[in-house]
Amino acid sequence: MAELTLAVAALLLLNIGAGLVRVARGPTPADRMLAAQLFGTTGVAVLLLLAEGMGSPPLRYVALVFALLAVVLALTFAERGWTVADEDDR
């Protein structure tokens, strides 16, 4: 079972690589924001899978910290996007 969780974690890391392409080439800031959210969500999933596969419970705490940082990142992007939109209306 540990091999399966590690294999799924490796596939999720490939998913993060695809997200890096979207961040670099994203045509709009919204695409970049969603890719950054993908990093947060996938990063938490990878850490939880590694914690289970390797039998390392402290990785669960790191996953919780990443989840909180992903929320802060999303709020920061949203705040920045709304500020720019408000200035364009003036």
PDB file of N, CA and C in Angstrom:
ATOM      1  N   MET A   1       0.816  -1.191   0.000  1.00  0.00           N
ATOM      2  CA  MET A   1       0.000   0.000   0.000  1.00  0.00           C
ATOM      3  C   MET A   1       0.865   1.261   0.000  1.00  0.00           C
ATOM      4  N   ALA A   2       2.018   1.180   0.651  1.00  0.00           N
ATOM      5  CA  ALA A   2       2.910   2.338   0.696  1.00  0.00           C
ATOM      6  C   ALA A   2       3.417   2.696  -0.693  1.00  0.00           C
ATOM      7  N   GLU A   3       3.647   1.682  -1.522  1.00  0.00           N
ATOM      8  CA  GLU A   3       4.125   1.947  -2.878  1.00  0.00           C
ATOM      9  C   GLU A   3       3.070   2.695  -3.694  1.00  0.00           C
ATOM     10  N   LEU A   4       1.810   2.335  -3.475  1.00  0.00           N
ATOM     11  CA  LEU A   4       0.724   2.999  -4.197  1.00  0.00           C
ATOM     12  C   LEU A   4       0.623   4.467  -3.800  1.00  0.00           C
ATOM     13  N   THR A   5       0.714   4.757  -2.514  1.00  0.00           N
ATOM     14  CA  THR A   5       0.621   6.161  -2.084  1.00  0.00           C
ATOM     15  C   THR A   5       1.810   6.972  -2.594  1.00  0.00           C
ATOM     16  N   LEU A   6       2.980   6.368  -2.629  1.00  0.00           N
ATOM     17  CA  LEU A   6       4.145   7.087  -3.153  1.00  0.00           C
ATOM     18  C   LEU A   6       4.029   7.303  -4.660  1.00  0.00           C
ATOM     19  N   ALA A   7       3.444   6.341  -5.369  1.00  0.00           N
ATOM     20  CA  ALA A   7       3.250   6.502  -6.813  1.00  0.00           C
ATOM     21  C   ALA A   7       2.240   7.610  -7.104  1.00  0.00           C
ATOM     22  N   VAL A   8       1.174   7.665  -6.328  1.00  0.00           N
ATOM     23  CA  VAL A   8       0.187   8.735  -6.514  1.00  0.00           C
ATOM     24  C   VAL A   8       0.816  10.086  -6.185  1.00  0.00           C
ATOM     25  N   ALA A   9       1.658  10.139  -5.168  1.00  0.00           N
ATOM     26  CA  ALA A   9       2.348  11.388  -4.829  1.00  0.00           C
ATOM     27  C   ALA A   9       3.243  11.828  -5.985  1.00  0.00           C
ATOM     28  N   ALA A  10       3.896  10.887  -6.641  1.00  0.00           N
ATOM     29  CA  ALA A  10       4.743  11.231  -7.786  1.00  0.00           C
ATOM     30  C   ALA A  10       3.905  11.774  -8.941  1.00  0.00           C
ATOM     31  N   LEU A  11       2.741  11.190  -9.180  1.00  0.00           N
ATOM     32  CA  LEU A  11       1.857  11.701 -10.230  1.00  0.00           C
ATOM     33  C   LEU A  11       1.360  13.109  -9.908  1.00  0.00           C
ATOM     34  N   LEU A  12       1.088  13.367  -8.644  1.00  0.00           N
ATOM     35  CA  LEU A  12       0.659  14.711  -8.253  1.00  0.00           C
ATOM     36  C   LEU A  12       1.792  15.726  -8.419  1.00  0.00           C
ATOM     37  N   LEU A  13       3.017  15.294  -8.217  1.00  0.00           N
ATOM     38  CA  LEU A  13       4.149  16.197  -8.454  1.00  0.00           C
ATOM     39  C   LEU A  13       4.263  16.547  -9.936  1.00  0.00           C
ATOM     40  N   LEU A  14       3.948  15.613 -10.812  1.00  0.00           N
ATOM     41  CA  LEU A  14       3.902  15.909 -12.249  1.00  0.00           C
ATOM     42  C   LEU A  14       2.801  16.922 -12.550  1.00  0.00           C
ATOM     43  N   ASN A  15       1.714  16.836 -11.810  1.00  0.00           N
ATOM     44  CA  ASN A  15       0.625  17.790 -11.958  1.00  0.00           C
ATOM     45  C   ASN A  15       1.086  19.201 -11.576  1.00  0.00           C
ATOM     46  N   ILE A  16       1.894  19.306 -10.561  1.00  0.00           N
ATOM     47  CA  ILE A  16       2.443  20.606 -10.177  1.00  0.00           C
ATOM     48  C   ILE A  16       3.342  21.141 -11.285  1.00  0.00           C
ATOM     49  N   GLY A  17       4.087  20.265 -11.937  1.00  0.00           N
ATOM     50  CA  GLY A  17       4.919  20.691 -13.067  1.00  0.00           C
ATOM     51  C   GLY A  17       4.087  21.273 -14.193  1.00  0.00           C
ATOM     52  N   ALA A  18       2.935  20.667 -14.459  1.00  0.00           N
ATOM     53  CA  ALA A  18       2.039  21.219 -15.484  1.00  0.00           C
ATOM     54  C   ALA A  18       1.506  22.572 -15.049  1.00  0.00           C
ATOM     55  N   GLY A  19       1.273  22.730 -13.760  1.00  0.00           N
ATOM     56  CA  GLY A  19       0.819  24.027 -13.251  1.00  0.00           C
ATOM     57  C   GLY A  19       1.873  25.110 -13.394  1.00  0.00           C
ATOM     58  N   LEU A  20       3.135  24.733 -13.287  1.00  0.00           N
ATOM     59  CA  LEU A  20       4.206  25.712 -13.477  1.00  0.00           C
ATOM     60  C   LEU A  20       4.187  26.286 -14.885  1.00  0.00           C
ATOM     61  N   VAL A  21       3.841  25.455 -15.849  1.00  0.00           N
ATOM     62  CA  VAL A  21       3.724  25.931 -17.229  1.00  0.00           C
ATOM     63  C   VAL A  21       2.600  26.958 -17.323  1.00  0.00           C
ATOM     64  N   ARG A  22       1.493  26.711 -16.638  1.00  0.00           N
ATOM     65  CA  ARG A  22       0.363  27.641 -16.670  1.00  0.00           C
ATOM     66  C   ARG A  22       0.722  28.957 -15.988  1.00  0.00           C
ATOM     67  N   VAL A  23       1.499  28.898 -14.930  1.00  0.00           N
ATOM     68  CA  VAL A  23       1.913  30.137 -14.262  1.00  0.00           C
ATOM     69  C   VAL A  23       2.813  30.953 -15.184  1.00  0.00           C
ATOM     70  N   ALA A  24       3.701  30.285 -15.883  1.00  0.00           N
ATOM     71  CA  ALA A  24       4.630  30.994 -16.761  1.00  0.00           C
ATOM     72  C   ALA A  24       3.937  31.547 -17.998  1.00  0.00           C
ATOM     73  N   ARG A  25       2.988  30.800 -18.570  1.00  0.00           N
ATOM     74  CA  ARG A  25       2.376  31.205 -19.834  1.00  0.00           C
ATOM     75  C   ARG A  25       0.956  31.714 -19.695  1.00  0.00           C
ATOM     76  N   GLY A  26       0.405  31.693 -18.486  1.00  0.00           N
ATOM     77  CA  GLY A  26      -0.996  32.043 -18.303  1.00  0.00           C
ATOM     78  C   GLY A  26      -1.368  33.359 -18.956  1.00  0.00           C
ATOM     79  N   PRO A  27      -2.398  33.360 -19.798  1.00  0.00           N
ATOM     80  CA  PRO A  27      -2.742  34.588 -20.499  1.00  0.00           C
ATOM     81  C   PRO A  27      -3.362  35.646 -19.579  1.00  0.00           C
ATOM     82  N   THR A  28      -3.983  35.228 -18.490  1.00  0.00           N
ATOM     83  CA  THR A  28      -4.610  36.202 -17.597  1.00  0.00           C
ATOM     84  C   THR A  28      -4.130  35.976 -16.168  1.00  0.00           C
ATOM     85  N   PRO A  29      -4.250  36.996 -15.343  1.00  0.00           N
ATOM     86  CA  PRO A  29      -3.909  36.803 -13.927  1.00  0.00           C
ATOM     87  C   PRO A  29      -4.782  35.755 -13.241  1.00  0.00           C
ATOM     88  N   ALA A  30      -6.015  35.592 -13.711  1.00  0.00           N
ATOM     89  CA  ALA A  30      -6.880  34.576 -13.112  1.00  0.00           C
ATOM     90  C   ALA A  30      -6.314  33.178 -13.342  1.00  0.00           C
ATOM     91  N   ASP A  31      -5.744  32.928 -14.525  1.00  0.00           N
ATOM     92  CA  ASP A  31      -5.118  31.631 -14.786  1.00  0.00           C
ATOM     93  C   ASP A  31      -3.955  31.395 -13.838  1.00  0.00           C
ATOM     94  N   ARG A  32      -3.185  32.424 -13.611  1.00  0.00           N
ATOM     95  CA  ARG A  32      -2.042  32.292 -12.696  1.00  0.00           C
ATOM     96  C   ARG A  32      -2.501  32.056 -11.263  1.00  0.00           C
ATOM     97  N   MET A  33      -3.584  32.738 -10.871  1.00  0.00           N
ATOM     98  CA  MET A  33      -4.101  32.561  -9.517  1.00  0.00           C
ATOM     99  C   MET A  33      -4.610  31.132  -9.319  1.00  0.00           C
ATOM    100  N   LEU A  34      -5.325  30.606 -10.301  1.00  0.00           N
ATOM    101  CA  LEU A  34      -5.826  29.236 -10.172  1.00  0.00           C
ATOM    102  C   LEU A  34      -4.693  28.224 -10.159  1.00  0.00           C
ATOM    103  N   ALA A  35      -3.641  28.484 -10.908  1.00  0.00           N
ATOM    104  CA  ALA A  35      -2.482  27.584 -10.876  1.00  0.00           C
ATOM    105  C   ALA A  35      -1.809  27.628  -9.509  1.00  0.00           C
ATOM    106  N   ALA A  36      -1.748  28.813  -8.907  1.00  0.00           N
ATOM    107  CA  ALA A  36      -1.168  28.917  -7.563  1.00  0.00           C
ATOM    108  C   ALA A  36      -2.036  28.169  -6.553  1.00  0.00           C
ATOM    109  N   GLN A  37      -3.352  28.212  -6.714  1.00  0.00           N
ATOM    110  CA  GLN A  37      -4.236  27.437  -5.853  1.00  0.00           C
ATOM    111  C   GLN A  37      -4.007  25.945  -6.055  1.00  0.00           C
ATOM    112  N   LEU A  38      -3.734  25.569  -7.304  1.00  0.00           N
ATOM    113  CA  LEU A  38      -3.415  24.167  -7.603  1.00  0.00           C
ATOM    114  C   LEU A  38      -2.171  23.737  -6.830  1.00  0.00           C
ATOM    115  N   PHE A  39      -1.174  24.607  -6.748  1.00  0.00           N
ATOM    116  CA  PHE A  39       0.039  24.272  -6.003  1.00  0.00           C
ATOM    117  C   PHE A  39      -0.285  24.006  -4.542  1.00  0.00           C
ATOM    118  N   GLY A  40      -1.104  24.864  -3.960  1.00  0.00           N
ATOM    119  CA  GLY A  40      -1.441  24.691  -2.556  1.00  0.00           C
ATOM    120  C   GLY A  40      -2.191  23.396  -2.296  1.00  0.00           C
ATOM    121  N   THR A  41      -3.211  23.146  -3.089  1.00  0.00           N
ATOM    122  CA  THR A  41      -4.025  21.954  -2.900  1.00  0.00           C
ATOM    123  C   THR A  41      -3.220  20.687  -3.175  1.00  0.00           C
ATOM    124  N   THR A  42      -2.491  20.684  -4.268  1.00  0.00           N
ATOM    125  CA  THR A  42      -1.713  19.499  -4.624  1.00  0.00           C
ATOM    126  C   THR A  42      -0.561  19.295  -3.647  1.00  0.00           C
ATOM    127  N   GLY A  43       0.035  20.378  -3.195  1.00  0.00           N
ATOM    128  CA  GLY A  43       1.116  20.259  -2.217  1.00  0.00           C
ATOM    129  C   GLY A  43       0.642  19.624  -0.923  1.00  0.00           C
ATOM    130  N   VAL A  44      -0.538  20.008  -0.478  1.00  0.00           N
ATOM    131  CA  VAL A  44      -1.105  19.403   0.729  1.00  0.00           C
ATOM    132  C   VAL A  44      -1.373  17.918   0.494  1.00  0.00           C
ATOM    133  N   ALA A  45      -1.932  17.591  -0.665  1.00  0.00           N
ATOM    134  CA  ALA A  45      -2.211  16.179  -0.967  1.00  0.00           C
ATOM    135  C   ALA A  45      -0.927  15.356  -1.022  1.00  0.00           C
ATOM    136  N   VAL A  46       0.115  15.907  -1.637  1.00  0.00           N
ATOM    137  CA  VAL A  46       1.390  15.191  -1.725  1.00  0.00           C
ATOM    138  C   VAL A  46       1.964  14.956  -0.331  1.00  0.00           C
ATOM    139  N   LEU A  47       1.921  15.973   0.507  1.00  0.00           N
ATOM    140  CA  LEU A  47       2.463  15.810   1.856  1.00  0.00           C
ATOM    141  C   LEU A  47       1.675  14.787   2.671  1.00  0.00           C
ATOM    142  N   LEU A  48       0.357  14.785   2.522  1.00  0.00           N
ATOM    143  CA  LEU A  48      -0.444  13.789   3.245  1.00  0.00           C
ATOM    144  C   LEU A  48      -0.168  12.377   2.739  1.00  0.00           C
ATOM    145  N   LEU A  49       0.004  12.239   1.423  1.00  0.00           N
ATOM    146  CA  LEU A  49       0.341  10.922   0.884  1.00  0.00           C
ATOM    147  C   LEU A  49       1.730  10.467   1.333  1.00  0.00           C
ATOM    148  N   LEU A  50       2.678  11.389   1.364  1.00  0.00           N
ATOM    149  CA  LEU A  50       4.016  11.029   1.836  1.00  0.00           C
ATOM    150  C   LEU A  50       4.004  10.669   3.318  1.00  0.00           C
ATOM    151  N   ALA A  51       3.204  11.375   4.105  1.00  0.00           N
ATOM    152  CA  ALA A  51       3.110  11.063   5.532  1.00  0.00           C
ATOM    153  C   ALA A  51       2.579   9.647   5.728  1.00  0.00           C
ATOM    154  N   GLU A  52       1.603   9.281   4.915  1.00  0.00           N
ATOM    155  CA  GLU A  52       1.041   7.939   5.030  1.00  0.00           C
ATOM    156  C   GLU A  52       1.993   6.880   4.464  1.00  0.00           C
ATOM    157  N   GLY A  53       2.566   7.165   3.307  1.00  0.00           N
ATOM    158  CA  GLY A  53       3.421   6.179   2.647  1.00  0.00           C
ATOM    159  C   GLY A  53       4.733   5.930   3.364  1.00  0.00           C
ATOM    160  N   MET A  54       5.312   6.973   3.934  1.00  0.00           N
ATOM    161  CA  MET A  54       6.599   6.835   4.613  1.00  0.00           C
ATOM    162  C   MET A  54       6.440   6.638   6.112  1.00  0.00           C
ATOM    163  N   GLY A  55       5.219   6.752   6.613  1.00  0.00           N
ATOM    164  CA  GLY A  55       5.004   6.592   8.049  1.00  0.00           C
ATOM    165  C   GLY A  55       5.616   7.722   8.852  1.00  0.00           C
ATOM    166  N   SER A  56       5.458   8.944   8.358  1.00  0.00           N
ATOM    167  CA  SER A  56       6.036  10.113   9.019  1.00  0.00           C
ATOM    168  C   SER A  56       4.920  11.090   9.401  1.00  0.00           C
ATOM    169  N   PRO A  57       4.326  10.924  10.575  1.00  0.00           N
ATOM    170  CA  PRO A  57       3.208  11.778  10.987  1.00  0.00           C
ATOM    171  C   PRO A  57       3.513  13.286  11.037  1.00  0.00           C
ATOM    172  N   PRO A  58       4.739  13.723  11.312  1.00  0.00           N
ATOM    173  CA  PRO A  58       4.975  15.177  11.325  1.00  0.00           C
ATOM    174  C   PRO A  58       4.705  15.864   9.981  1.00  0.00           C
ATOM    175  N   LEU A  59       4.738  15.110   8.883  1.00  0.00           N
ATOM    176  CA  LEU A  59       4.420  15.709   7.592  1.00  0.00           C
ATOM    177  C   LEU A  59       2.971  16.177   7.528  1.00  0.00           C
ATOM    178  N   ARG A  60       2.121  15.611   8.361  1.00  0.00           N
ATOM    179  CA  ARG A  60       0.725  16.069   8.412  1.00  0.00           C
ATOM    180  C   ARG A  60       0.653  17.501   8.926  1.00  0.00           C
ATOM    181  N   TYR A  61       1.495  17.840   9.874  1.00  0.00           N
ATOM    182  CA  TYR A  61       1.518  19.208  10.395  1.00  0.00           C
ATOM    183  C   TYR A  61       2.028  20.186   9.337  1.00  0.00           C
ATOM    184  N   VAL A  62       2.999  19.755   8.567  1.00  0.00           N
ATOM    185  CA  VAL A  62       3.498  20.593   7.478  1.00  0.00           C
ATOM    186  C   VAL A  62       2.394  20.801   6.450  1.00  0.00           C
ATOM    187  N   ALA A  63       1.602  19.770   6.197  1.00  0.00           N
ATOM    188  CA  ALA A  63       0.485  19.886   5.257  1.00  0.00           C
ATOM    189  C   ALA A  63      -0.540  20.891   5.766  1.00  0.00           C
ATOM    190  N   LEU A  64      -0.793  20.914   7.065  1.00  0.00           N
ATOM    191  CA  LEU A  64      -1.721  21.896   7.625  1.00  0.00           C
ATOM    192  C   LEU A  64      -1.192  23.320   7.451  1.00  0.00           C
ATOM    193  N   VAL A  65       0.094  23.509   7.632  1.00  0.00           N
ATOM    194  CA  VAL A  65       0.690  24.837   7.439  1.00  0.00           C
ATOM    195  C   VAL A  65       0.577  25.253   5.975  1.00  0.00           C
ATOM    196  N   PHE A  66       0.826  24.318   5.062  1.00  0.00           N
ATOM    197  CA  PHE A  66       0.684  24.625   3.635  1.00  0.00           C
ATOM    198  C   PHE A  66      -0.753  24.999   3.294  1.00  0.00           C
ATOM    199  N   ALA A  67      -1.715  24.314   3.906  1.00  0.00           N
ATOM    200  CA  ALA A  67      -3.123  24.635   3.643  1.00  0.00           C
ATOM    201  C   ALA A  67      -3.440  26.059   4.097  1.00  0.00           C
ATOM    202  N   LEU A  68      -2.926  26.452   5.252  1.00  0.00           N
ATOM    203  CA  LEU A  68      -3.144  27.820   5.727  1.00  0.00           C
ATOM    204  C   LEU A  68      -2.460  28.841   4.824  1.00  0.00           C
ATOM    205  N   LEU A  69      -1.266  28.529   4.369  1.00  0.00           N
ATOM    206  CA  LEU A  69      -0.563  29.444   3.465  1.00  0.00           C
ATOM    207  C   LEU A  69      -1.278  29.568   2.129  1.00  0.00           C
ATOM    208  N   ALA A  70      -1.900  28.494   1.666  1.00  0.00           N
ATOM    209  CA  ALA A  70      -2.654  28.548   0.403  1.00  0.00           C
ATOM    210  C   ALA A  70      -3.844  29.488   0.534  1.00  0.00           C
ATOM    211  N   VAL A  71      -4.482  29.500   1.691  1.00  0.00           N
ATOM    212  CA  VAL A  71      -5.611  30.414   1.915  1.00  0.00           C
ATOM    213  C   VAL A  71      -5.123  31.857   1.915  1.00  0.00           C
ATOM    214  N   VAL A  72      -4.019  32.112   2.576  1.00  0.00           N
ATOM    215  CA  VAL A  72      -3.466  33.474   2.604  1.00  0.00           C
ATOM    216  C   VAL A  72      -3.070  33.916   1.200  1.00  0.00           C
ATOM    217  N   LEU A  73      -2.494  33.021   0.428  1.00  0.00           N
ATOM    218  CA  LEU A  73      -2.118  33.337  -0.943  1.00  0.00           C
ATOM    219  C   LEU A  73      -3.342  33.680  -1.785  1.00  0.00           C
ATOM    220  N   ALA A  74      -4.406  32.908  -1.649  1.00  0.00           N
ATOM    221  CA  ALA A  74      -5.632  33.173  -2.416  1.00  0.00           C
ATOM    222  C   ALA A  74      -6.221  34.525  -2.025  1.00  0.00           C
ATOM    223  N   LEU A  75      -6.231  34.829  -0.749  1.00  0.00           N
ATOM    224  CA  LEU A  75      -6.759  36.126  -0.309  1.00  0.00           C
ATOM    225  C   LEU A  75      -5.904  37.282  -0.821  1.00  0.00           C
ATOM    226  N   THR A  76      -4.613  37.090  -0.854  1.00  0.00           N
ATOM    227  CA  THR A  76      -3.717  38.128  -1.358  1.00  0.00           C
ATOM    228  C   THR A  76      -3.943  38.369  -2.846  1.00  0.00           C
ATOM    229  N   PHE A  77      -4.062  37.301  -3.614  1.00  0.00           N
ATOM    230  CA  PHE A  77      -4.335  37.452  -5.046  1.00  0.00           C
ATOM    231  C   PHE A  77      -5.673  38.129  -5.283  1.00  0.00           C
ATOM    232  N   ALA A  78      -6.685  37.736  -4.511  1.00  0.00           N
ATOM    233  CA  ALA A  78      -8.009  38.338  -4.681  1.00  0.00           C
ATOM    234  C   ALA A  78      -7.974  39.822  -4.328  1.00  0.00           C
ATOM    235  N   GLU A  79      -7.311  40.160  -3.265  1.00  0.00           N
ATOM    236  CA  GLU A  79      -7.194  41.570  -2.862  1.00  0.00           C
ATOM    237  C   GLU A  79      -6.476  42.376  -3.935  1.00  0.00           C
ATOM    238  N   ARG A  80      -5.429  41.827  -4.454  1.00  0.00           N
ATOM    239  CA  ARG A  80      -4.669  42.537  -5.495  1.00  0.00           C
ATOM    240  C   ARG A  80      -5.490  42.707  -6.769  1.00  0.00           C
ATOM    241  N   GLY A  81      -6.227  41.677  -7.146  1.00  0.00           N
ATOM    242  CA  GLY A  81      -7.048  41.741  -8.349  1.00  0.00           C
ATOM    243  C   GLY A  81      -8.177  42.735  -8.233  1.00  0.00           C
ATOM    244  N   TRP A  82      -8.804  42.796  -7.077  1.00  0.00           N
ATOM    245  CA  TRP A  82      -9.907  43.734  -6.897  1.00  0.00           C
ATOM    246  C   TRP A  82      -9.406  45.158  -6.837  1.00  0.00           C
ATOM    247  N   THR A  83      -8.226  45.386  -6.289  1.00  0.00           N
ATOM    248  CA  THR A  83      -7.670  46.732  -6.231  1.00  0.00           C
ATOM    249  C   THR A  83      -7.392  47.245  -7.635  1.00  0.00           C
ATOM    250  N   VAL A  84      -6.842  46.430  -8.485  1.00  0.00           N
ATOM    251  CA  VAL A  84      -6.546  46.836  -9.858  1.00  0.00           C
ATOM    252  C   VAL A  84      -7.844  47.123 -10.607  1.00  0.00           C
ATOM    253  N   ALA A  85      -8.872  46.309 -10.424  1.00  0.00           N
ATOM    254  CA  ALA A  85     -10.141  46.506 -11.107  1.00  0.00           C
ATOM    255  C   ALA A  85     -10.804  47.789 -10.640  1.00  0.00           C
ATOM    256  N   ASP A  86     -10.709  48.119  -9.358  1.00  0.00           N
ATOM    257  CA  ASP A  86     -11.299  49.342  -8.842  1.00  0.00           C
ATOM    258  C   ASP A  86     -10.622  50.579  -9.417  1.00  0.00           C
ATOM    259  N   GLU A  87      -9.311  50.522  -9.592  1.00  0.00           N
ATOM    260  CA  GLU A  87      -8.573  51.676 -10.141  1.00  0.00           C
ATOM    261  C   GLU A  87      -8.885  51.883 -11.607  1.00  0.00           C
ATOM    262  N   ASP A  88      -9.193  50.810 -12.348  1.00  0.00           N
ATOM    263  CA  ASP A  88      -9.524  50.932 -13.764  1.00  0.00           C
ATOM    264  C   ASP A  88     -10.853  51.629 -13.976  1.00  0.00           C
ATOM    265  N   ASP A  89     -11.771  51.491 -13.016  1.00  0.00           N
ATOM    266  CA  ASP A  89     -13.093  52.107 -13.145  1.00  0.00           C
ATOM    267  C   ASP A  89     -13.049  53.620 -12.980  1.00  0.00           C
ATOM    268  N   ARG A  90     -12.032  54.151 -12.375  1.00  0.00           N
ATOM    269  CA  ARG A  90     -11.964  55.593 -12.107  1.00  0.00           C
ATOM    270  C   ARG A  90     -11.498  56.374 -13.284  1.00  0.00           C
TER     271      ARG A  90
END
